[in-house]
Amino acid sequence: MNALLIAIYVVFGAAALITLFRIVRGPSILDRAVASDVLLTEVMCVLGAEMAINHHTRSLPVLLIIAAVGVFGSISIARFVARRDNTDQ
């Protein structure tokens, strides 16, 4: 295994643990939503770095699916929070 790839895995692994801590601790649903978006972005960066280092594009469909899940998840949470804020008034 490439030393650069190991360094990337270590750095992004530490970032993922910090992000998971924010997802668990909260305190609000918006904090958790932002943290989950950051976690998806970290996964996409790791996959992209692995593709660039190993000179292949086999993981590209996975990147597209992760990006779509992140976008649709963010939209869903934003609509939920907006609807909840409107009923509180």
N, C-alpha and C. Protein backbone atom coordinates (compact mmCIF):
# COMPACT_ATOMS: atom_id res chain seq x y z
N MET A 1 0.85 -1.18 0.00
CA MET A 1 0.00 0.00 0.00
C MET A 1 0.89 1.24 0.00
N ASN A 2 0.45 2.21 -0.72
CA ASN A 2 1.19 3.45 -0.87
C ASN A 2 1.20 4.24 0.45
N ALA A 3 2.37 4.82 0.78
CA ALA A 3 2.49 5.59 2.03
C ALA A 3 1.58 6.81 2.01
N LEU A 4 1.42 7.43 0.84
CA LEU A 4 0.53 8.58 0.72
C LEU A 4 -0.91 8.19 1.00
N LEU A 5 -1.31 7.03 0.51
CA LEU A 5 -2.67 6.56 0.76
C LEU A 5 -2.90 6.27 2.24
N ILE A 6 -1.91 5.73 2.91
CA ILE A 6 -2.02 5.48 4.35
C ILE A 6 -2.16 6.80 5.11
N ALA A 7 -1.37 7.80 4.73
CA ALA A 7 -1.47 9.12 5.38
C ALA A 7 -2.85 9.73 5.16
N ILE A 8 -3.38 9.59 3.95
CA ILE A 8 -4.72 10.10 3.66
C ILE A 8 -5.75 9.40 4.52
N TYR A 9 -5.65 8.08 4.63
CA TYR A 9 -6.60 7.34 5.45
C TYR A 9 -6.53 7.75 6.92
N VAL A 10 -5.33 8.00 7.42
CA VAL A 10 -5.18 8.40 8.83
C VAL A 10 -5.79 9.78 9.07
N VAL A 11 -5.49 10.73 8.20
CA VAL A 11 -6.00 12.09 8.37
C VAL A 11 -7.53 12.11 8.25
N PHE A 12 -8.05 11.48 7.22
CA PHE A 12 -9.50 11.48 7.05
C PHE A 12 -10.19 10.60 8.09
N GLY A 13 -9.52 9.59 8.60
CA GLY A 13 -10.10 8.79 9.68
C GLY A 13 -10.26 9.61 10.96
N ALA A 14 -9.24 10.42 11.27
CA ALA A 14 -9.34 11.29 12.43
C ALA A 14 -10.44 12.32 12.24
N ALA A 15 -10.53 12.87 11.03
CA ALA A 15 -11.59 13.85 10.76
C ALA A 15 -12.97 13.19 10.85
N ALA A 16 -13.07 11.95 10.41
CA ALA A 16 -14.35 11.24 10.48
C ALA A 16 -14.75 10.98 11.93
N LEU A 17 -13.79 10.66 12.78
CA LEU A 17 -14.11 10.45 14.20
C LEU A 17 -14.60 11.73 14.86
N ILE A 18 -13.96 12.85 14.54
CA ILE A 18 -14.41 14.13 15.08
C ILE A 18 -15.81 14.46 14.58
N THR A 19 -16.06 14.17 13.31
CA THR A 19 -17.38 14.43 12.73
C THR A 19 -18.44 13.53 13.36
N LEU A 20 -18.10 12.27 13.58
CA LEU A 20 -19.05 11.36 14.24
C LEU A 20 -19.37 11.84 15.65
N PHE A 21 -18.38 12.38 16.34
CA PHE A 21 -18.62 12.94 17.66
C PHE A 21 -19.65 14.07 17.59
N ARG A 22 -19.55 14.93 16.56
CA ARG A 22 -20.50 16.03 16.41
C ARG A 22 -21.88 15.49 16.05
N ILE A 23 -21.95 14.43 15.27
CA ILE A 23 -23.25 13.84 14.93
C ILE A 23 -23.93 13.29 16.18
N VAL A 24 -23.16 12.64 17.04
CA VAL A 24 -23.73 12.05 18.25
C VAL A 24 -24.10 13.11 19.27
N ARG A 25 -23.22 14.09 19.47
CA ARG A 25 -23.44 15.09 20.52
C ARG A 25 -24.45 16.17 20.17
N GLY A 26 -24.60 16.47 18.90
CA GLY A 26 -25.61 17.47 18.52
C GLY A 26 -25.11 18.88 18.65
N PRO A 27 -25.69 19.77 19.32
CA PRO A 27 -26.90 19.78 20.15
C PRO A 27 -28.19 19.94 19.36
N SER A 28 -28.14 20.43 18.12
CA SER A 28 -29.38 20.62 17.37
C SER A 28 -29.37 19.73 16.14
N ILE A 29 -30.52 19.63 15.50
CA ILE A 29 -30.63 18.82 14.30
C ILE A 29 -29.83 19.44 13.16
N LEU A 30 -29.70 20.76 13.14
CA LEU A 30 -28.90 21.39 12.09
C LEU A 30 -27.42 21.10 12.25
N ASP A 31 -26.92 21.03 13.50
CA ASP A 31 -25.54 20.63 13.73
C ASP A 31 -25.29 19.22 13.23
N ARG A 32 -26.22 18.35 13.51
CA ARG A 32 -26.10 16.96 13.04
C ARG A 32 -26.17 16.87 11.53
N ALA A 33 -27.00 17.69 10.91
CA ALA A 33 -27.12 17.68 9.45
C ALA A 33 -25.83 18.17 8.80
N VAL A 34 -25.25 19.23 9.33
CA VAL A 34 -24.00 19.74 8.78
C VAL A 34 -22.89 18.72 8.98
N ALA A 35 -22.86 18.08 10.14
CA ALA A 35 -21.84 17.06 10.39
C ALA A 35 -22.00 15.87 9.45
N SER A 36 -23.22 15.47 9.17
CA SER A 36 -23.41 14.35 8.25
C SER A 36 -23.00 14.74 6.83
N ASP A 37 -23.23 15.99 6.44
CA ASP A 37 -22.74 16.45 5.14
C ASP A 37 -21.21 16.45 5.09
N VAL A 38 -20.59 16.86 6.18
CA VAL A 38 -19.13 16.85 6.25
C VAL A 38 -18.61 15.41 6.16
N LEU A 39 -19.29 14.48 6.82
CA LEU A 39 -18.87 13.08 6.77
C LEU A 39 -18.99 12.52 5.36
N LEU A 40 -20.07 12.83 4.68
CA LEU A 40 -20.21 12.38 3.29
C LEU A 40 -19.14 13.01 2.40
N THR A 41 -18.81 14.25 2.64
CA THR A 41 -17.77 14.92 1.87
C THR A 41 -16.41 14.28 2.13
N GLU A 42 -16.15 13.91 3.38
CA GLU A 42 -14.89 13.23 3.70
C GLU A 42 -14.79 11.89 2.99
N VAL A 43 -15.87 11.14 2.95
CA VAL A 43 -15.88 9.86 2.25
C VAL A 43 -15.62 10.08 0.76
N MET A 44 -16.25 11.11 0.20
CA MET A 44 -16.03 11.41 -1.21
C MET A 44 -14.57 11.81 -1.47
N CYS A 45 -13.98 12.56 -0.57
CA CYS A 45 -12.58 12.95 -0.75
C CYS A 45 -11.64 11.75 -0.67
N VAL A 46 -11.90 10.84 0.23
CA VAL A 46 -11.08 9.64 0.33
C VAL A 46 -11.20 8.81 -0.94
N LEU A 47 -12.42 8.62 -1.42
CA LEU A 47 -12.60 7.86 -2.65
C LEU A 47 -11.94 8.56 -3.84
N GLY A 48 -12.07 9.87 -3.91
CA GLY A 48 -11.43 10.62 -4.99
C GLY A 48 -9.91 10.54 -4.92
N ALA A 49 -9.35 10.64 -3.73
CA ALA A 49 -7.90 10.53 -3.58
C ALA A 49 -7.42 9.13 -3.95
N GLU A 50 -8.17 8.13 -3.56
CA GLU A 50 -7.80 6.75 -3.90
C GLU A 50 -7.85 6.55 -5.42
N MET A 51 -8.86 7.12 -6.07
CA MET A 51 -8.94 7.01 -7.52
C MET A 51 -7.77 7.73 -8.19
N ALA A 52 -7.40 8.90 -7.70
CA ALA A 52 -6.30 9.65 -8.30
C ALA A 52 -4.96 8.95 -8.09
N ILE A 53 -4.75 8.40 -6.91
CA ILE A 53 -3.47 7.73 -6.63
C ILE A 53 -3.33 6.45 -7.43
N ASN A 54 -4.41 5.68 -7.53
CA ASN A 54 -4.35 4.38 -8.22
C ASN A 54 -4.72 4.46 -9.69
N HIS A 55 -4.98 5.65 -10.21
CA HIS A 55 -5.24 5.89 -11.64
C HIS A 55 -6.39 5.04 -12.18
N HIS A 56 -7.56 5.14 -11.55
CA HIS A 56 -8.74 4.45 -12.06
C HIS A 56 -9.97 5.30 -11.80
N THR A 57 -11.07 4.91 -12.43
CA THR A 57 -12.34 5.63 -12.25
C THR A 57 -13.46 4.67 -11.86
N ARG A 58 -13.14 3.53 -11.32
CA ARG A 58 -14.16 2.55 -10.96
C ARG A 58 -15.09 3.02 -9.85
N SER A 59 -14.63 3.91 -9.01
CA SER A 59 -15.44 4.39 -7.88
C SER A 59 -16.29 5.61 -8.23
N LEU A 60 -16.25 6.05 -9.46
CA LEU A 60 -16.98 7.25 -9.85
C LEU A 60 -18.49 7.12 -9.65
N PRO A 61 -19.13 5.99 -9.99
CA PRO A 61 -20.57 5.87 -9.70
C PRO A 61 -20.90 5.97 -8.21
N VAL A 62 -20.02 5.45 -7.38
CA VAL A 62 -20.23 5.55 -5.93
C VAL A 62 -20.15 7.00 -5.49
N LEU A 63 -19.21 7.76 -6.04
CA LEU A 63 -19.11 9.18 -5.72
C LEU A 63 -20.38 9.93 -6.11
N LEU A 64 -20.91 9.61 -7.27
CA LEU A 64 -22.14 10.28 -7.72
C LEU A 64 -23.31 9.95 -6.81
N ILE A 65 -23.42 8.71 -6.39
CA ILE A 65 -24.52 8.31 -5.50
C ILE A 65 -24.38 8.99 -4.14
N ILE A 66 -23.16 9.05 -3.61
CA ILE A 66 -22.95 9.71 -2.32
C ILE A 66 -23.28 11.19 -2.42
N ALA A 67 -22.90 11.82 -3.51
CA ALA A 67 -23.21 13.24 -3.70
C ALA A 67 -24.72 13.46 -3.78
N ALA A 68 -25.43 12.59 -4.49
CA ALA A 68 -26.89 12.72 -4.59
C ALA A 68 -27.55 12.51 -3.23
N VAL A 69 -27.09 11.54 -2.48
CA VAL A 69 -27.65 11.31 -1.15
C VAL A 69 -27.43 12.52 -0.26
N GLY A 70 -26.24 13.12 -0.34
CA GLY A 70 -25.95 14.30 0.47
C GLY A 70 -26.84 15.48 0.11
N VAL A 71 -27.02 15.71 -1.17
CA VAL A 71 -27.85 16.84 -1.61
C VAL A 71 -29.30 16.63 -1.20
N PHE A 72 -29.84 15.45 -1.51
CA PHE A 72 -31.25 15.19 -1.17
C PHE A 72 -31.48 15.15 0.34
N GLY A 73 -30.50 14.65 1.09
CA GLY A 73 -30.62 14.66 2.54
C GLY A 73 -30.63 16.06 3.11
N SER A 74 -29.76 16.92 2.58
CA SER A 74 -29.73 18.31 3.04
C SER A 74 -31.02 19.04 2.72
N ILE A 75 -31.55 18.80 1.53
CA ILE A 75 -32.82 19.43 1.15
C ILE A 75 -33.94 18.96 2.05
N SER A 76 -33.97 17.67 2.34
CA SER A 76 -35.03 17.12 3.20
C SER A 76 -34.96 17.71 4.60
N ILE A 77 -33.78 17.80 5.15
CA ILE A 77 -33.64 18.35 6.50
C ILE A 77 -33.99 19.82 6.52
N ALA A 78 -33.57 20.56 5.49
CA ALA A 78 -33.91 21.99 5.43
C ALA A 78 -35.42 22.19 5.35
N ARG A 79 -36.10 21.38 4.56
CA ARG A 79 -37.55 21.49 4.46
C ARG A 79 -38.22 21.12 5.78
N PHE A 80 -37.71 20.10 6.46
CA PHE A 80 -38.27 19.69 7.74
C PHE A 80 -38.11 20.79 8.77
N VAL A 81 -36.92 21.38 8.86
CA VAL A 81 -36.67 22.44 9.84
C VAL A 81 -37.50 23.67 9.51
N ALA A 82 -37.61 24.01 8.23
CA ALA A 82 -38.42 25.17 7.84
C ALA A 82 -39.89 24.96 8.18
N ARG A 83 -40.39 23.77 7.94
CA ARG A 83 -41.78 23.47 8.25
C ARG A 83 -42.01 23.49 9.76
N ARG A 84 -41.06 22.97 10.52
CA ARG A 84 -41.18 22.96 11.98
C ARG A 84 -41.12 24.37 12.54
N ASP A 85 -40.28 25.23 11.95
CA ASP A 85 -40.19 26.62 12.41
C ASP A 85 -41.47 27.40 12.11
N ASN A 86 -42.13 27.09 11.01
CA ASN A 86 -43.37 27.78 10.66
C ASN A 86 -44.51 27.40 11.60
N THR A 87 -44.54 26.17 12.10
CA THR A 87 -45.61 25.76 13.00
C THR A 87 -45.39 26.28 14.41
N ASP A 88 -44.14 26.65 14.77
CA ASP A 88 -43.86 27.18 16.11
C ASP A 88 -44.35 28.61 16.28
N GLN A 89 -44.57 29.33 15.19
CA GLN A 89 -44.95 30.74 15.30
C GLN A 89 -46.39 30.95 15.54
